[in-house]
Amino acid sequence: MRGAWFGFAVLAGCADTETPVWALDPIWVEPSDGGDVYGFQTWELYAEPWKKKLNERFYVCSVVLELFGLERTPDPTCPACTQAWEMRPALLESDCDSDRAADEGWLALRGVAIGAVPDDLVALDPYPGQSLGVYADYGAGWEPFGWGWPEALDTRGAAVEPVWDDTQAFVLWPAYAWSLD
């Protein structure tokens, strides 16, 4: 189950800081052959107290997937999407325990698309006017995922046009965290 990772309620009392309760799944993609993409999806798992301040000290472990994306025509069920890929994830590595790392749920990503930023995410855009909207299909159809921007914004701080032009890597940043309950 996903939940917005902005504005979580604060819980009082002691909390377990070893058991993952929240997951965040940023994605990095770069152009590959003929409109396809290659990249990584990192499932970052956090303990319960993370939701209070999104503090990295509550990090528990990660599951890293290698992504192979085949270009496809954007689906009419995602009217804001202008570019889309069918994703084929594969487990690459993990620092989680073997049972957690082997969970097939991490491989659920079926598609990624970019287009207009969803209306309800515009005000939270980390790079206003320089981001695209990102949509994901985890097997149940397209849903808003977050924002995408050229990697150069993070690495060089350079202002760039927010367009997918098959020449630069993109960061796809989630606007939502997943509850592992």
N, C-alpha and C. Protein backbone atom coordinates (compact mmCIF):
# COMPACT_ATOMS: atom_id res chain seq x y z
N MET A 1 0.84 -1.17 0.00
CA MET A 1 0.00 0.00 0.00
C MET A 1 0.89 1.23 0.00
N ARG A 2 0.58 2.19 -0.86
CA ARG A 2 1.33 3.43 -0.91
C ARG A 2 0.66 4.46 -0.04
N GLY A 3 1.46 5.37 0.46
CA GLY A 3 0.94 6.50 1.22
C GLY A 3 1.78 7.71 0.89
N ALA A 4 1.19 8.86 0.83
CA ALA A 4 1.97 10.06 0.55
C ALA A 4 3.04 10.20 1.61
N TRP A 5 4.24 10.53 1.20
CA TRP A 5 5.32 10.63 2.16
C TRP A 5 5.51 12.05 2.64
N PHE A 6 4.59 12.90 2.32
CA PHE A 6 4.57 14.26 2.84
C PHE A 6 3.43 14.35 3.83
N GLY A 7 3.68 14.91 5.00
CA GLY A 7 2.61 15.14 5.95
C GLY A 7 2.18 13.92 6.74
N PHE A 8 3.08 12.98 7.04
CA PHE A 8 2.72 11.85 7.86
C PHE A 8 2.35 12.30 9.26
N ALA A 9 1.46 11.58 9.90
CA ALA A 9 1.13 11.84 11.30
C ALA A 9 2.28 11.39 12.18
N VAL A 10 2.46 12.04 13.30
CA VAL A 10 3.53 11.70 14.23
C VAL A 10 2.99 10.74 15.28
N LEU A 11 3.73 9.65 15.52
CA LEU A 11 3.35 8.70 16.55
C LEU A 11 4.30 8.84 17.73
N ALA A 12 3.79 8.71 18.92
CA ALA A 12 4.62 8.82 20.12
C ALA A 12 4.98 7.44 20.63
N GLY A 13 6.02 7.36 21.47
CA GLY A 13 6.40 6.10 22.09
C GLY A 13 7.62 5.50 21.45
N CYS A 14 8.04 4.34 21.98
CA CYS A 14 9.21 3.64 21.47
C CYS A 14 8.88 3.00 20.13
N ALA A 15 9.89 2.92 19.28
CA ALA A 15 9.68 2.32 17.97
C ALA A 15 10.83 1.38 17.65
N ASP A 16 10.53 0.32 16.95
CA ASP A 16 11.53 -0.63 16.50
C ASP A 16 12.30 0.02 15.35
N THR A 17 13.62 0.09 15.46
CA THR A 17 14.42 0.72 14.40
C THR A 17 15.15 -0.30 13.55
N GLU A 18 14.80 -1.58 13.67
CA GLU A 18 15.45 -2.63 12.88
C GLU A 18 14.51 -3.27 11.86
N THR A 19 13.21 -3.13 12.06
CA THR A 19 12.24 -3.76 11.17
C THR A 19 11.77 -2.76 10.12
N PRO A 20 11.93 -3.09 8.83
CA PRO A 20 11.46 -2.18 7.78
C PRO A 20 9.94 -2.06 7.80
N VAL A 21 9.45 -0.84 7.75
CA VAL A 21 8.02 -0.57 7.73
C VAL A 21 7.65 0.28 6.52
N TRP A 22 8.60 1.07 6.03
CA TRP A 22 8.37 1.97 4.90
C TRP A 22 9.39 1.67 3.80
N ALA A 23 8.98 1.86 2.55
CA ALA A 23 9.89 1.68 1.42
C ALA A 23 9.72 2.84 0.45
N LEU A 24 10.81 3.28 -0.09
CA LEU A 24 10.86 4.34 -1.09
C LEU A 24 11.61 3.77 -2.27
N ASP A 25 11.14 4.02 -3.50
CA ASP A 25 11.76 3.37 -4.66
C ASP A 25 12.20 4.33 -5.76
N PRO A 26 13.24 5.13 -5.52
CA PRO A 26 13.75 5.99 -6.59
C PRO A 26 14.30 5.16 -7.75
N ILE A 27 14.21 5.74 -8.93
CA ILE A 27 14.64 5.06 -10.17
C ILE A 27 15.60 5.99 -10.91
N TRP A 28 16.58 5.41 -11.55
CA TRP A 28 17.51 6.14 -12.42
C TRP A 28 17.51 5.42 -13.76
N VAL A 29 17.30 6.17 -14.85
CA VAL A 29 17.32 5.57 -16.19
C VAL A 29 18.17 6.41 -17.14
N GLU A 30 18.73 5.73 -18.12
CA GLU A 30 19.47 6.40 -19.18
C GLU A 30 19.05 5.81 -20.52
N PRO A 31 19.16 6.59 -21.58
CA PRO A 31 18.81 6.07 -22.90
C PRO A 31 19.68 4.86 -23.27
N SER A 32 19.07 3.94 -23.96
CA SER A 32 19.77 2.75 -24.45
C SER A 32 19.54 2.69 -25.96
N ASP A 33 19.54 1.51 -26.53
CA ASP A 33 19.38 1.36 -27.98
C ASP A 33 17.97 1.67 -28.46
N GLY A 34 17.86 2.43 -29.52
CA GLY A 34 16.60 2.65 -30.23
C GLY A 34 15.42 3.08 -29.41
N GLY A 35 15.60 3.95 -28.45
CA GLY A 35 14.50 4.44 -27.64
C GLY A 35 14.27 3.66 -26.35
N ASP A 36 14.99 2.57 -26.16
CA ASP A 36 14.88 1.80 -24.93
C ASP A 36 15.65 2.51 -23.81
N VAL A 37 15.51 2.02 -22.58
CA VAL A 37 16.24 2.58 -21.45
C VAL A 37 16.88 1.46 -20.63
N TYR A 38 17.89 1.85 -19.90
CA TYR A 38 18.57 0.97 -18.95
C TYR A 38 18.66 1.73 -17.64
N GLY A 39 18.50 1.05 -16.51
CA GLY A 39 18.59 1.79 -15.26
C GLY A 39 18.55 0.91 -14.03
N PHE A 40 18.24 1.57 -12.91
CA PHE A 40 18.21 0.92 -11.62
C PHE A 40 17.03 1.44 -10.81
N GLN A 41 16.42 0.57 -10.05
CA GLN A 41 15.39 0.92 -9.08
C GLN A 41 15.92 0.46 -7.73
N THR A 42 15.96 1.36 -6.77
CA THR A 42 16.48 1.03 -5.45
C THR A 42 15.36 1.13 -4.44
N TRP A 43 14.96 -0.02 -3.92
CA TRP A 43 13.97 -0.05 -2.85
C TRP A 43 14.70 0.21 -1.55
N GLU A 44 14.55 1.41 -0.99
CA GLU A 44 15.17 1.78 0.27
C GLU A 44 14.16 1.53 1.38
N LEU A 45 14.53 0.69 2.35
CA LEU A 45 13.63 0.31 3.42
C LEU A 45 14.00 1.01 4.72
N TYR A 46 12.96 1.51 5.41
CA TYR A 46 13.15 2.31 6.62
C TYR A 46 12.28 1.77 7.75
N ALA A 47 12.76 2.00 8.97
CA ALA A 47 12.01 1.63 10.18
C ALA A 47 10.90 2.65 10.43
N GLU A 48 9.98 2.29 11.31
CA GLU A 48 8.80 3.12 11.62
C GLU A 48 9.11 4.59 11.89
N PRO A 49 10.12 4.93 12.70
CA PRO A 49 10.33 6.35 13.02
C PRO A 49 10.68 7.24 11.81
N TRP A 50 11.05 6.63 10.68
CA TRP A 50 11.42 7.39 9.48
C TRP A 50 10.33 8.35 9.05
N LYS A 51 9.06 7.94 9.19
CA LYS A 51 7.96 8.77 8.69
C LYS A 51 7.85 10.10 9.42
N LYS A 52 8.42 10.19 10.61
CA LYS A 52 8.32 11.43 11.38
C LYS A 52 9.14 12.56 10.76
N LYS A 53 10.39 12.28 10.40
CA LYS A 53 11.26 13.33 9.87
C LYS A 53 11.98 12.91 8.60
N LEU A 54 11.67 11.74 8.06
CA LEU A 54 12.33 11.21 6.87
C LEU A 54 13.84 11.19 7.06
N ASN A 55 14.27 10.82 8.26
CA ASN A 55 15.67 10.82 8.64
C ASN A 55 16.36 9.54 8.18
N GLU A 56 17.50 9.70 7.51
CA GLU A 56 18.27 8.57 6.99
C GLU A 56 18.77 7.62 8.08
N ARG A 57 18.83 8.07 9.31
CA ARG A 57 19.33 7.18 10.36
C ARG A 57 18.40 6.00 10.61
N PHE A 58 17.18 6.04 10.07
CA PHE A 58 16.24 4.95 10.22
C PHE A 58 16.26 4.00 9.02
N TYR A 59 17.27 4.16 8.19
CA TYR A 59 17.50 3.24 7.07
C TYR A 59 17.77 1.85 7.63
N VAL A 60 17.15 0.83 7.01
CA VAL A 60 17.37 -0.55 7.43
C VAL A 60 18.18 -1.31 6.38
N CYS A 61 17.73 -1.27 5.13
CA CYS A 61 18.45 -1.97 4.07
C CYS A 61 17.85 -1.56 2.72
N SER A 62 18.46 -2.06 1.63
CA SER A 62 17.98 -1.76 0.27
C SER A 62 17.97 -3.02 -0.59
N VAL A 63 17.11 -2.97 -1.59
CA VAL A 63 17.08 -3.99 -2.63
C VAL A 63 17.25 -3.24 -3.94
N VAL A 64 18.31 -3.56 -4.67
CA VAL A 64 18.62 -2.86 -5.92
C VAL A 64 18.27 -3.75 -7.10
N LEU A 65 17.50 -3.19 -8.02
CA LEU A 65 17.10 -3.90 -9.23
C LEU A 65 17.74 -3.26 -10.44
N GLU A 66 18.11 -4.08 -11.39
CA GLU A 66 18.56 -3.61 -12.69
C GLU A 66 17.32 -3.57 -13.57
N LEU A 67 17.17 -2.49 -14.33
CA LEU A 67 15.98 -2.32 -15.17
C LEU A 67 16.35 -2.29 -16.65
N PHE A 68 15.58 -3.02 -17.41
CA PHE A 68 15.68 -2.99 -18.86
C PHE A 68 14.32 -2.52 -19.36
N GLY A 69 14.28 -1.37 -20.02
CA GLY A 69 13.01 -0.81 -20.46
C GLY A 69 12.90 -0.78 -21.97
N LEU A 70 11.85 -1.38 -22.48
CA LEU A 70 11.59 -1.39 -23.91
C LEU A 70 10.58 -0.30 -24.24
N GLU A 71 10.94 0.55 -25.20
CA GLU A 71 10.05 1.64 -25.58
C GLU A 71 8.72 1.09 -26.05
N ARG A 72 7.64 1.77 -25.64
CA ARG A 72 6.31 1.39 -26.09
C ARG A 72 5.48 2.65 -26.28
N THR A 73 4.42 2.52 -27.00
CA THR A 73 3.50 3.63 -27.21
C THR A 73 2.78 3.91 -25.90
N PRO A 74 2.71 5.18 -25.48
CA PRO A 74 1.98 5.48 -24.24
C PRO A 74 0.55 4.96 -24.31
N ASP A 75 0.11 4.38 -23.24
CA ASP A 75 -1.21 3.77 -23.11
C ASP A 75 -2.27 4.86 -22.99
N PRO A 76 -3.43 4.71 -23.65
CA PRO A 76 -4.51 5.70 -23.52
C PRO A 76 -5.04 5.83 -22.09
N THR A 77 -4.78 4.83 -21.23
CA THR A 77 -5.22 4.93 -19.84
C THR A 77 -4.32 5.87 -19.03
N CYS A 78 -3.27 6.38 -19.65
CA CYS A 78 -2.39 7.37 -19.02
C CYS A 78 -2.35 8.59 -19.94
N PRO A 79 -3.42 9.39 -19.94
CA PRO A 79 -3.52 10.49 -20.90
C PRO A 79 -2.42 11.55 -20.77
N ALA A 80 -1.80 11.69 -19.62
CA ALA A 80 -0.73 12.68 -19.44
C ALA A 80 0.63 12.17 -19.93
N CYS A 81 0.72 10.89 -20.24
CA CYS A 81 2.00 10.27 -20.61
C CYS A 81 2.37 10.56 -22.06
N THR A 82 3.62 10.95 -22.27
CA THR A 82 4.13 11.23 -23.62
C THR A 82 5.19 10.24 -24.06
N GLN A 83 5.81 9.55 -23.14
CA GLN A 83 6.85 8.56 -23.42
C GLN A 83 6.68 7.43 -22.42
N ALA A 84 6.80 6.18 -22.88
CA ALA A 84 6.60 5.05 -21.97
C ALA A 84 7.53 3.90 -22.31
N TRP A 85 7.82 3.10 -21.27
CA TRP A 85 8.67 1.91 -21.43
C TRP A 85 8.06 0.75 -20.67
N GLU A 86 8.14 -0.43 -21.27
CA GLU A 86 7.79 -1.66 -20.57
C GLU A 86 9.05 -2.07 -19.81
N MET A 87 8.93 -2.21 -18.50
CA MET A 87 10.11 -2.47 -17.68
C MET A 87 10.25 -3.95 -17.35
N ARG A 88 11.50 -4.39 -17.38
CA ARG A 88 11.84 -5.76 -17.00
C ARG A 88 12.89 -5.68 -15.89
N PRO A 89 12.43 -5.77 -14.63
CA PRO A 89 13.37 -5.68 -13.51
C PRO A 89 14.03 -7.03 -13.20
N ALA A 90 15.25 -6.95 -12.69
CA ALA A 90 15.98 -8.14 -12.25
C ALA A 90 16.75 -7.78 -10.99
N LEU A 91 16.74 -8.68 -10.01
CA LEU A 91 17.47 -8.43 -8.77
C LEU A 91 18.96 -8.31 -9.07
N LEU A 92 19.58 -7.24 -8.58
CA LEU A 92 21.00 -7.02 -8.78
C LEU A 92 21.77 -7.30 -7.49
N GLU A 93 21.36 -6.64 -6.40
CA GLU A 93 22.03 -6.85 -5.12
C GLU A 93 21.15 -6.32 -3.99
N SER A 94 21.51 -6.73 -2.76
CA SER A 94 20.77 -6.28 -1.60
C SER A 94 21.63 -6.43 -0.35
N ASP A 95 21.40 -5.53 0.61
CA ASP A 95 22.01 -5.68 1.92
C ASP A 95 20.96 -6.09 2.95
N CYS A 96 19.78 -6.48 2.48
CA CYS A 96 18.72 -6.99 3.35
C CYS A 96 18.97 -8.47 3.62
N ASP A 97 18.26 -9.02 4.62
CA ASP A 97 18.37 -10.45 4.86
C ASP A 97 17.86 -11.20 3.62
N SER A 98 18.30 -12.42 3.45
CA SER A 98 18.01 -13.16 2.21
C SER A 98 16.52 -13.37 1.96
N ASP A 99 15.72 -13.58 3.00
CA ASP A 99 14.28 -13.75 2.80
C ASP A 99 13.65 -12.48 2.26
N ARG A 100 14.01 -11.36 2.84
CA ARG A 100 13.44 -10.08 2.39
C ARG A 100 13.91 -9.75 0.98
N ALA A 101 15.18 -9.96 0.69
CA ALA A 101 15.73 -9.67 -0.63
C ALA A 101 15.09 -10.54 -1.72
N ALA A 102 14.69 -11.76 -1.36
CA ALA A 102 14.12 -12.69 -2.33
C ALA A 102 12.63 -12.46 -2.59
N ASP A 103 12.01 -11.53 -1.89
CA ASP A 103 10.57 -11.26 -2.05
C ASP A 103 10.30 -10.84 -3.50
N GLU A 104 9.41 -11.55 -4.15
CA GLU A 104 9.07 -11.27 -5.56
C GLU A 104 8.38 -9.91 -5.75
N GLY A 105 7.86 -9.34 -4.67
CA GLY A 105 7.18 -8.05 -4.76
C GLY A 105 8.06 -6.93 -5.27
N TRP A 106 9.38 -7.03 -5.02
CA TRP A 106 10.28 -5.98 -5.50
C TRP A 106 10.31 -5.93 -7.02
N LEU A 107 9.93 -7.00 -7.68
CA LEU A 107 9.98 -7.09 -9.14
C LEU A 107 8.67 -6.69 -9.81
N ALA A 108 7.79 -6.01 -9.10
CA ALA A 108 6.44 -5.72 -9.59
C ALA A 108 6.37 -4.66 -10.69
N LEU A 109 7.38 -3.83 -10.84
CA LEU A 109 7.33 -2.74 -11.82
C LEU A 109 7.18 -3.28 -13.23
N ARG A 110 6.11 -2.88 -13.91
CA ARG A 110 5.84 -3.32 -15.29
C ARG A 110 6.05 -2.23 -16.32
N GLY A 111 5.92 -0.98 -15.88
CA GLY A 111 6.08 0.11 -16.84
C GLY A 111 6.38 1.42 -16.15
N VAL A 112 7.06 2.29 -16.88
CA VAL A 112 7.34 3.65 -16.44
C VAL A 112 7.02 4.57 -17.60
N ALA A 113 6.42 5.70 -17.29
CA ALA A 113 6.09 6.68 -18.32
C ALA A 113 6.36 8.08 -17.78
N ILE A 114 6.61 9.01 -18.68
CA ILE A 114 6.80 10.40 -18.31
C ILE A 114 5.81 11.26 -19.10
N GLY A 115 5.54 12.42 -18.56
CA GLY A 115 4.60 13.35 -19.19
C GLY A 115 4.40 14.54 -18.29
N ALA A 116 3.19 15.04 -18.24
CA ALA A 116 2.87 16.21 -17.42
C ALA A 116 2.89 15.83 -15.93
N VAL A 117 3.35 16.76 -15.10
CA VAL A 117 3.33 16.55 -13.65
C VAL A 117 1.87 16.49 -13.21
N PRO A 118 1.48 15.47 -12.44
CA PRO A 118 0.10 15.40 -11.96
C PRO A 118 -0.25 16.64 -11.14
N ASP A 119 -1.47 17.13 -11.31
CA ASP A 119 -1.91 18.36 -10.63
C ASP A 119 -1.64 18.35 -9.13
N ASP A 120 -1.89 17.21 -8.48
CA ASP A 120 -1.73 17.17 -7.03
C ASP A 120 -0.26 17.12 -6.58
N LEU A 121 0.68 17.04 -7.53
CA LEU A 121 2.11 17.02 -7.19
C LEU A 121 2.84 18.29 -7.61
N VAL A 122 2.18 19.17 -8.33
CA VAL A 122 2.84 20.39 -8.83
C VAL A 122 3.42 21.23 -7.70
N ALA A 123 2.70 21.44 -6.63
CA ALA A 123 3.16 22.30 -5.54
C ALA A 123 4.35 21.70 -4.79
N LEU A 124 4.55 20.38 -4.90
CA LEU A 124 5.64 19.70 -4.19
C LEU A 124 6.85 19.44 -5.07
N ASP A 125 6.80 19.86 -6.31
CA ASP A 125 7.84 19.59 -7.30
C ASP A 125 9.20 20.08 -6.81
N PRO A 126 10.20 19.18 -6.69
CA PRO A 126 11.51 19.61 -6.22
C PRO A 126 12.25 20.53 -7.19
N TYR A 127 11.92 20.47 -8.47
CA TYR A 127 12.52 21.34 -9.49
C TYR A 127 11.39 21.96 -10.32
N PRO A 128 10.64 22.89 -9.75
CA PRO A 128 9.50 23.47 -10.48
C PRO A 128 9.91 23.98 -11.86
N GLY A 129 9.15 23.60 -12.84
CA GLY A 129 9.40 24.03 -14.21
C GLY A 129 10.53 23.28 -14.89
N GLN A 130 11.24 22.43 -14.16
CA GLN A 130 12.34 21.67 -14.75
C GLN A 130 12.12 20.16 -14.61
N SER A 131 10.93 19.79 -14.15
CA SER A 131 10.61 18.37 -13.95
C SER A 131 9.50 17.93 -14.88
N LEU A 132 9.45 16.65 -15.08
CA LEU A 132 8.34 16.01 -15.77
C LEU A 132 7.59 15.18 -14.75
N GLY A 133 6.37 14.82 -15.06
CA GLY A 133 5.64 13.90 -14.22
C GLY A 133 6.05 12.48 -14.56
N VAL A 134 6.05 11.62 -13.57
CA VAL A 134 6.38 10.21 -13.79
C VAL A 134 5.20 9.36 -13.34
N TYR A 135 4.92 8.34 -14.12
CA TYR A 135 3.83 7.42 -13.86
C TYR A 135 4.40 6.01 -13.85
N ALA A 136 3.84 5.13 -13.03
CA ALA A 136 4.34 3.77 -12.93
C ALA A 136 3.18 2.79 -13.01
N ASP A 137 3.49 1.63 -13.54
CA ASP A 137 2.54 0.52 -13.58
C ASP A 137 3.19 -0.64 -12.83
N TYR A 138 2.62 -0.98 -11.68
CA TYR A 138 3.10 -2.09 -10.87
C TYR A 138 2.23 -3.33 -11.08
N GLY A 139 1.55 -3.38 -12.21
CA GLY A 139 0.72 -4.54 -12.51
C GLY A 139 -0.77 -4.28 -12.39
N ALA A 140 -1.13 -3.09 -11.93
CA ALA A 140 -2.55 -2.76 -11.75
C ALA A 140 -2.95 -1.52 -12.55
N GLY A 141 -2.14 -1.15 -13.53
CA GLY A 141 -2.43 0.04 -14.33
C GLY A 141 -1.58 1.23 -13.92
N TRP A 142 -1.67 2.28 -14.69
CA TRP A 142 -0.85 3.47 -14.48
C TRP A 142 -1.32 4.27 -13.27
N GLU A 143 -0.37 4.74 -12.50
CA GLU A 143 -0.66 5.61 -11.37
C GLU A 143 0.46 6.62 -11.24
N PRO A 144 0.17 7.82 -10.70
CA PRO A 144 1.23 8.80 -10.51
C PRO A 144 2.33 8.22 -9.61
N PHE A 145 3.57 8.47 -10.00
CA PHE A 145 4.73 7.99 -9.24
C PHE A 145 5.44 9.16 -8.57
N GLY A 146 5.64 10.24 -9.32
CA GLY A 146 6.37 11.39 -8.78
C GLY A 146 6.87 12.28 -9.89
N TRP A 147 8.16 12.62 -9.82
CA TRP A 147 8.76 13.57 -10.76
C TRP A 147 9.99 12.96 -11.41
N GLY A 148 10.31 13.46 -12.59
CA GLY A 148 11.54 13.06 -13.27
C GLY A 148 12.26 14.29 -13.76
N TRP A 149 13.58 14.27 -13.64
CA TRP A 149 14.37 15.40 -14.11
C TRP A 149 15.70 14.89 -14.64
N PRO A 150 16.31 15.66 -15.53
CA PRO A 150 17.63 15.27 -16.02
C PRO A 150 18.62 15.20 -14.87
N GLU A 151 19.43 14.16 -14.85
CA GLU A 151 20.41 13.95 -13.79
C GLU A 151 21.32 15.17 -13.60
N ALA A 152 21.55 15.93 -14.66
CA ALA A 152 22.42 17.11 -14.59
C ALA A 152 21.95 18.12 -13.55
N LEU A 153 20.66 18.15 -13.25
CA LEU A 153 20.17 19.06 -12.21
C LEU A 153 20.76 18.70 -10.85
N ASP A 154 20.95 17.42 -10.59
CA ASP A 154 21.52 16.97 -9.31
C ASP A 154 23.04 17.04 -9.30
N THR A 155 23.64 16.66 -10.40
CA THR A 155 25.10 16.53 -10.42
C THR A 155 25.83 17.84 -10.72
N ARG A 156 25.24 18.69 -11.54
CA ARG A 156 25.91 19.94 -11.90
C ARG A 156 25.11 21.17 -11.53
N GLY A 157 23.87 20.97 -11.09
CA GLY A 157 23.03 22.10 -10.76
C GLY A 157 22.67 22.95 -11.97
N ALA A 158 22.90 22.38 -13.14
CA ALA A 158 22.65 23.11 -14.38
C ALA A 158 21.16 23.14 -14.71
N ALA A 159 20.68 24.29 -15.12
CA ALA A 159 19.30 24.39 -15.58
C ALA A 159 19.21 23.74 -16.96
N VAL A 160 18.25 22.85 -17.12
CA VAL A 160 18.06 22.16 -18.39
C VAL A 160 16.57 22.08 -18.70
N GLU A 161 16.28 21.86 -19.95
CA GLU A 161 14.89 21.70 -20.36
C GLU A 161 14.39 20.35 -19.87
N PRO A 162 13.18 20.31 -19.31
CA PRO A 162 12.63 19.04 -18.82
C PRO A 162 11.99 18.23 -19.95
N VAL A 163 12.82 17.72 -20.84
CA VAL A 163 12.32 16.90 -21.94
C VAL A 163 13.14 15.62 -22.03
N TRP A 164 12.47 14.53 -22.35
CA TRP A 164 13.18 13.30 -22.63
C TRP A 164 13.61 13.37 -24.08
N ASP A 165 14.92 13.42 -24.31
CA ASP A 165 15.41 13.56 -25.69
C ASP A 165 16.36 12.43 -26.09
N ASP A 166 16.34 11.33 -25.36
CA ASP A 166 17.18 10.17 -25.64
C ASP A 166 18.67 10.47 -25.58
N THR A 167 19.09 11.52 -24.83
CA THR A 167 20.51 11.84 -24.74
C THR A 167 21.03 11.91 -23.31
N GLN A 168 20.15 11.98 -22.33
CA GLN A 168 20.64 12.18 -20.97
C GLN A 168 19.92 11.27 -19.98
N ALA A 169 20.62 10.99 -18.89
CA ALA A 169 20.04 10.17 -17.82
C ALA A 169 19.02 10.99 -17.04
N PHE A 170 18.03 10.31 -16.48
CA PHE A 170 16.98 10.95 -15.70
C PHE A 170 16.87 10.31 -14.33
N VAL A 171 16.59 11.12 -13.33
CA VAL A 171 16.25 10.67 -11.99
C VAL A 171 14.72 10.66 -11.92
N LEU A 172 14.14 9.56 -11.49
CA LEU A 172 12.69 9.44 -11.32
C LEU A 172 12.46 9.33 -9.82
N TRP A 173 11.95 10.40 -9.23
CA TRP A 173 11.85 10.48 -7.78
C TRP A 173 10.41 10.27 -7.31
N PRO A 174 10.19 9.33 -6.39
CA PRO A 174 8.84 9.04 -5.94
C PRO A 174 8.26 10.12 -5.01
N ALA A 175 6.99 10.37 -5.18
CA ALA A 175 6.26 11.30 -4.29
C ALA A 175 5.59 10.54 -3.16
N TYR A 176 5.68 9.23 -3.20
CA TYR A 176 4.98 8.39 -2.23
C TYR A 176 5.91 7.34 -1.66
N ALA A 177 5.66 6.96 -0.44
CA ALA A 177 6.35 5.84 0.18
C ALA A 177 5.37 4.67 0.26
N TRP A 178 5.91 3.49 0.32
CA TRP A 178 5.11 2.28 0.44
C TRP A 178 5.09 1.80 1.88
N SER A 179 3.91 1.48 2.39
CA SER A 179 3.80 0.87 3.70
C SER A 179 4.02 -0.63 3.52
N LEU A 180 4.91 -1.21 4.31
CA LEU A 180 5.19 -2.65 4.21
C LEU A 180 4.34 -3.47 5.17
N ASP A 181 3.39 -2.82 5.85
CA ASP A 181 2.50 -3.54 6.77
C ASP A 181 1.59 -4.49 6.03
